């Protein structure tokens, strides 16, 4: 699949600048409902005493929504600013400044989790999955939320030109194939498609797309009119 992201996003500066305001951006009802669906899915798959590696942990979303063993948790991220926010909220946990495209921190984990498009920051899907397999205990769970096809279909309407050039959402078919190659047994792959608020009834039909583009810039995660994620659960064999 080649390179999945561009240097403008993988560089930590973008998120360092945004870190202080990041959580406040996602306090609307749509984002909260989306968080609840994702958290419920994860809670059913992460035992409270599991050793968890949180890849691309950001400001600590997983810690905000799941009860995990703080003594057996490690979160890593490329952005120092995002890690500082996570540490402010969760001072007792271990966090590390790390690029997921480098060799991952050593250790054997029961769960490797990468939520809300974190897997899309990998330069190679296969390298990402191979690193995850090496980090897990036999029978350990891999829980992923990559962007699904359709997520970036109208990217030019709401992001600076070229920012996401080369980014490739994961299809279920490709994910299943690559997971198998990396030594995983797929348990589940399903979509999480969350609709934003509907345009006003008085708005002419031809103007709906423009409304949805404006809405996506001001409400919820910066996406088109829906969020398209895959929820992927796989076991290391």
Protein backbone atom coordinates (compact mmCIF):
# COMPACT_ATOMS: atom_id res chain seq x y z
CA UNK A 1 0.00 0.00 0.00
CA UNK A 2 2.99 2.26 0.20
CA UNK A 3 3.23 5.43 2.25
CA UNK A 4 0.10 6.23 4.23
CA UNK A 5 0.79 9.72 5.48
CA UNK A 6 2.84 12.77 4.65
CA UNK A 7 5.67 14.45 6.53
CA UNK A 8 3.51 17.50 7.25
CA UNK A 9 1.35 15.42 9.56
CA UNK A 10 3.88 12.94 10.91
CA UNK A 11 6.03 15.82 12.13
CA UNK A 12 5.19 16.56 15.75
CA UNK A 13 4.94 20.33 15.34
CA UNK A 14 1.36 20.29 14.06
CA UNK A 15 0.06 18.46 17.10
CA UNK A 16 2.38 20.24 19.52
CA UNK A 17 0.63 23.49 18.58
CA UNK A 18 -2.83 21.93 18.78
CA UNK A 19 -2.36 19.87 21.94
CA UNK A 20 -3.72 22.37 24.48
CA UNK A 21 -6.98 22.71 22.54
CA UNK A 22 -7.25 19.16 21.20
CA UNK A 23 -9.67 17.69 23.75
CA UNK A 24 -11.89 20.79 23.68
CA UNK A 25 -12.36 20.32 19.94
CA UNK A 26 -14.27 17.08 20.52
CA UNK A 27 -16.80 18.00 23.19
CA UNK A 28 -19.82 18.26 20.88
CA UNK A 29 -22.59 15.67 21.04
CA UNK A 30 -21.52 13.90 17.85
CA UNK A 31 -17.97 13.36 19.09
CA UNK A 32 -19.18 12.24 22.51
CA UNK A 33 -21.52 9.70 20.95
CA UNK A 34 -18.71 8.47 18.72
CA UNK A 35 -16.42 8.15 21.75
CA UNK A 36 -19.06 6.11 23.56
CA UNK A 37 -19.39 3.61 20.70
CA UNK A 38 -15.62 3.19 20.38
CA UNK A 39 -15.12 2.93 24.15
CA UNK A 40 -17.83 0.29 24.52
CA UNK A 41 -16.22 -1.77 21.77
CA UNK A 42 -12.81 -1.55 23.45
CA UNK A 43 -14.11 -2.20 26.98
CA UNK A 44 -15.48 -5.55 25.86
CA UNK A 45 -12.03 -6.58 24.61
CA UNK A 46 -9.53 -5.15 27.13
CA UNK A 47 -9.32 -6.89 30.50
CA UNK A 48 -8.74 -4.53 33.40
CA UNK A 49 -5.47 -6.25 34.34
CA UNK A 50 -4.16 -6.45 30.74
CA UNK A 51 -0.76 -5.07 29.82
CA UNK A 52 -1.61 -2.41 27.22
CA UNK A 53 0.56 -0.71 24.62
CA UNK A 54 -1.27 2.40 23.35
CA UNK A 55 0.16 3.34 19.95
CA UNK A 56 -0.34 7.00 19.05
CA UNK A 57 -1.85 7.68 22.46
CA UNK A 58 -2.28 11.42 21.88
CA UNK A 59 -3.74 13.22 24.89
CA UNK A 60 -4.73 9.94 26.53
CA UNK A 61 -8.13 9.16 24.98
CA UNK A 62 -7.88 5.47 25.86
CA UNK A 63 -7.03 6.27 29.47
CA UNK A 64 -9.93 8.71 29.60
CA UNK A 65 -12.42 6.03 28.55
CA UNK A 66 -11.09 2.65 29.74
CA UNK A 67 -10.12 1.24 33.09
CA UNK A 68 -6.64 -0.14 32.56
CA UNK A 69 -3.89 -1.24 34.92
CA UNK A 70 -1.76 1.91 35.20
CA UNK A 71 1.25 -0.22 36.24
CA UNK A 72 1.07 -2.24 33.02
CA UNK A 73 0.36 0.50 30.50
CA UNK A 74 2.62 2.35 28.08
CA UNK A 75 1.46 5.05 25.70
CA UNK A 76 3.68 6.48 23.00
CA UNK A 77 3.24 9.30 20.54
CA UNK A 78 5.31 11.46 18.21
CA UNK A 79 4.09 14.75 19.68
CA UNK A 80 5.64 16.07 22.88
CA UNK A 81 2.72 18.46 23.30
CA UNK A 82 0.12 15.71 23.13
CA UNK A 83 2.09 13.61 25.61
CA UNK A 84 2.29 16.57 27.99
CA UNK A 85 -1.50 16.82 27.98
CA UNK A 86 -1.83 13.08 28.58
CA UNK A 87 0.63 13.30 31.48
CA UNK A 88 -1.24 16.24 32.97
CA UNK A 89 -4.45 14.19 33.05
CA UNK A 90 -2.85 10.86 33.96
CA UNK A 91 0.37 11.58 35.90
CA UNK A 92 0.81 8.00 37.15
CA UNK A 93 1.16 6.31 33.75
CA UNK A 94 4.23 5.67 31.62
CA UNK A 95 4.42 7.67 28.39
CA UNK A 96 7.15 7.82 25.78
CA UNK A 97 8.07 10.11 22.90
CA UNK A 98 8.30 7.68 20.00
CA UNK A 99 7.73 7.45 16.25
CA UNK A 100 5.69 4.36 15.37
CA UNK A 101 7.71 4.06 12.15
CA UNK A 102 10.83 3.34 14.22
CA UNK A 103 11.46 0.15 16.19
CA UNK A 104 8.76 -0.06 18.85
CA UNK A 105 9.58 -0.11 22.57
CA UNK A 106 10.53 -3.55 23.81
CA UNK A 107 8.13 -5.55 25.93
CA UNK A 108 5.44 -8.18 25.66
CA UNK A 109 1.89 -6.94 25.81
CA UNK A 110 -1.57 -8.45 26.16
CA UNK A 111 -3.15 -5.69 24.07
CA UNK A 112 -1.85 -3.35 21.40
CA UNK A 113 -4.36 -0.58 20.68
CA UNK A 114 -4.28 2.18 18.07
CA UNK A 115 -7.45 4.28 18.04
CA UNK A 116 -8.98 7.07 15.95
CA UNK A 117 -6.87 6.78 12.80
CA UNK A 118 -3.56 6.24 14.62
CA UNK A 119 -2.77 3.26 12.32
CA UNK A 120 -2.93 5.62 9.33
CA UNK A 121 0.21 7.38 10.52
CA UNK A 122 2.26 4.30 9.69
CA UNK A 123 4.37 4.54 6.57
CA UNK A 124 3.85 0.83 5.88
CA UNK A 125 0.83 -1.24 6.89
CA UNK A 126 2.89 -4.43 6.90
CA UNK A 127 5.66 -2.98 9.06
CA UNK A 128 3.06 -1.65 11.49
CA UNK A 129 1.38 -5.05 11.81
CA UNK A 130 4.69 -6.90 12.08
CA UNK A 131 5.77 -4.59 14.91
CA UNK A 132 2.45 -5.15 16.65
CA UNK A 133 2.78 -8.93 16.36
CA UNK A 134 6.29 -8.84 17.80
CA UNK A 135 5.08 -6.73 20.73
CA UNK A 136 2.24 -9.04 21.72
CA UNK A 137 2.19 -12.14 23.87
CA UNK A 138 0.91 -15.24 22.06
CA UNK A 139 -2.85 -14.87 22.00
CA UNK A 140 -2.59 -11.12 22.58
CA UNK A 141 -5.18 -8.82 21.04
CA UNK A 142 -4.62 -6.15 18.40
CA UNK A 143 -7.36 -3.48 18.43
CA UNK A 144 -7.28 -0.94 15.63
CA UNK A 145 -9.37 1.96 14.36
CA UNK A 146 -7.98 2.97 10.97
CA UNK A 147 -9.86 5.23 8.61
CA UNK A 148 -12.08 3.30 6.24
CA UNK A 149 -12.63 4.01 2.54
CA UNK A 150 -14.66 7.17 1.99
CA UNK A 151 -13.19 9.09 4.91
CA UNK A 152 -11.00 11.31 2.73
CA UNK A 153 -13.24 11.42 -0.33
CA UNK A 154 -13.79 15.19 -0.11
CA UNK A 155 -10.63 16.14 1.70
CA UNK A 156 -9.95 19.17 -0.49
CA UNK A 157 -13.08 20.88 0.82
CA UNK A 158 -11.82 21.19 4.37
CA UNK A 159 -8.06 20.71 4.60
CA UNK A 160 -5.14 22.67 3.13
CA UNK A 161 -4.12 21.52 -0.31
CA UNK A 162 -1.72 18.60 -0.25
CA UNK A 163 -1.82 17.99 3.51
CA UNK A 164 -3.18 14.47 3.17
CA UNK A 165 -1.60 13.68 -0.18
CA UNK A 166 -0.80 9.98 -0.31
CA UNK A 167 -2.90 8.99 2.70
CA UNK A 168 -4.65 5.66 2.15
CA UNK A 169 -7.58 4.46 4.29
CA UNK A 170 -7.67 0.74 5.03
CA UNK A 171 -10.19 -1.48 3.28
CA UNK A 172 -11.49 -4.53 5.13
CA UNK A 173 -10.11 -6.79 2.41
CA UNK A 174 -6.60 -5.35 2.57
CA UNK A 175 -6.64 -5.34 6.37
CA UNK A 176 -7.67 -8.99 6.52
CA UNK A 177 -4.98 -10.01 4.04
CA UNK A 178 -2.19 -8.04 5.74
CA UNK A 179 -3.19 -9.23 9.21
CA UNK A 180 -2.96 -12.82 8.03
CA UNK A 181 0.47 -12.22 6.53
CA UNK A 182 1.67 -10.73 9.82
CA UNK A 183 0.58 -13.73 11.88
CA UNK A 184 -2.82 -12.60 13.17
CA UNK A 185 -6.13 -14.40 13.26
CA UNK A 186 -8.89 -11.91 12.50
CA UNK A 187 -11.76 -11.92 14.99
CA UNK A 188 -13.77 -9.00 13.67
CA UNK A 189 -13.66 -6.24 11.09
CA UNK A 190 -16.63 -3.92 10.97
CA UNK A 191 -17.35 -0.31 10.20
CA UNK A 192 -18.04 2.59 12.52
CA UNK A 193 -19.89 5.18 10.47
CA UNK A 194 -21.10 8.12 12.50
CA UNK A 195 -23.37 10.71 10.87
CA UNK A 196 -23.06 14.33 11.80
CA UNK A 197 -26.02 16.62 12.33
CA UNK A 198 -28.40 16.92 9.42
CA UNK A 199 -28.52 20.14 7.36
CA UNK A 200 -31.48 22.44 8.13
CA UNK A 201 -34.69 21.39 6.39
CA UNK A 202 -34.97 24.78 4.72
CA UNK A 203 -31.60 24.45 2.97
CA UNK A 204 -31.88 23.78 -0.79
CA UNK A 205 -30.78 20.27 -1.71
CA UNK A 206 -27.96 21.51 -3.91
CA UNK A 207 -26.49 23.35 -0.92
CA UNK A 208 -26.36 20.30 1.39
CA UNK A 209 -22.81 19.34 0.48
CA UNK A 210 -21.55 22.84 1.21
CA UNK A 211 -23.36 22.78 4.56
CA UNK A 212 -21.84 19.47 5.50
CA UNK A 213 -18.37 20.73 4.61
CA UNK A 214 -18.85 23.79 6.81
CA UNK A 215 -20.29 21.67 9.62
CA UNK A 216 -17.34 19.32 9.58
CA UNK A 217 -14.99 22.25 10.17
CA UNK A 218 -16.89 23.47 13.22
CA UNK A 219 -18.39 20.39 14.87
CA UNK A 220 -16.67 17.23 15.96
CA UNK A 221 -13.63 15.61 14.46
CA UNK A 222 -12.34 17.23 11.30
CA UNK A 223 -13.95 14.92 8.78
CA UNK A 224 -16.52 15.10 6.00
CA UNK A 225 -20.17 14.66 6.98
CA UNK A 226 -19.53 11.21 8.45
CA UNK A 227 -16.73 9.45 10.28
CA UNK A 228 -15.66 6.25 8.60
CA UNK A 229 -13.53 3.95 10.74
CA UNK A 230 -12.90 0.24 10.73
CA UNK A 231 -13.03 -1.50 14.09
CA UNK A 232 -10.53 -4.35 13.86
CA UNK A 233 -9.90 -7.09 16.41
CA UNK A 234 -7.21 -9.68 15.74
CA UNK A 235 -5.31 -12.21 17.85
CA UNK A 236 -1.57 -12.95 17.60
CA UNK A 237 -1.11 -16.64 16.77
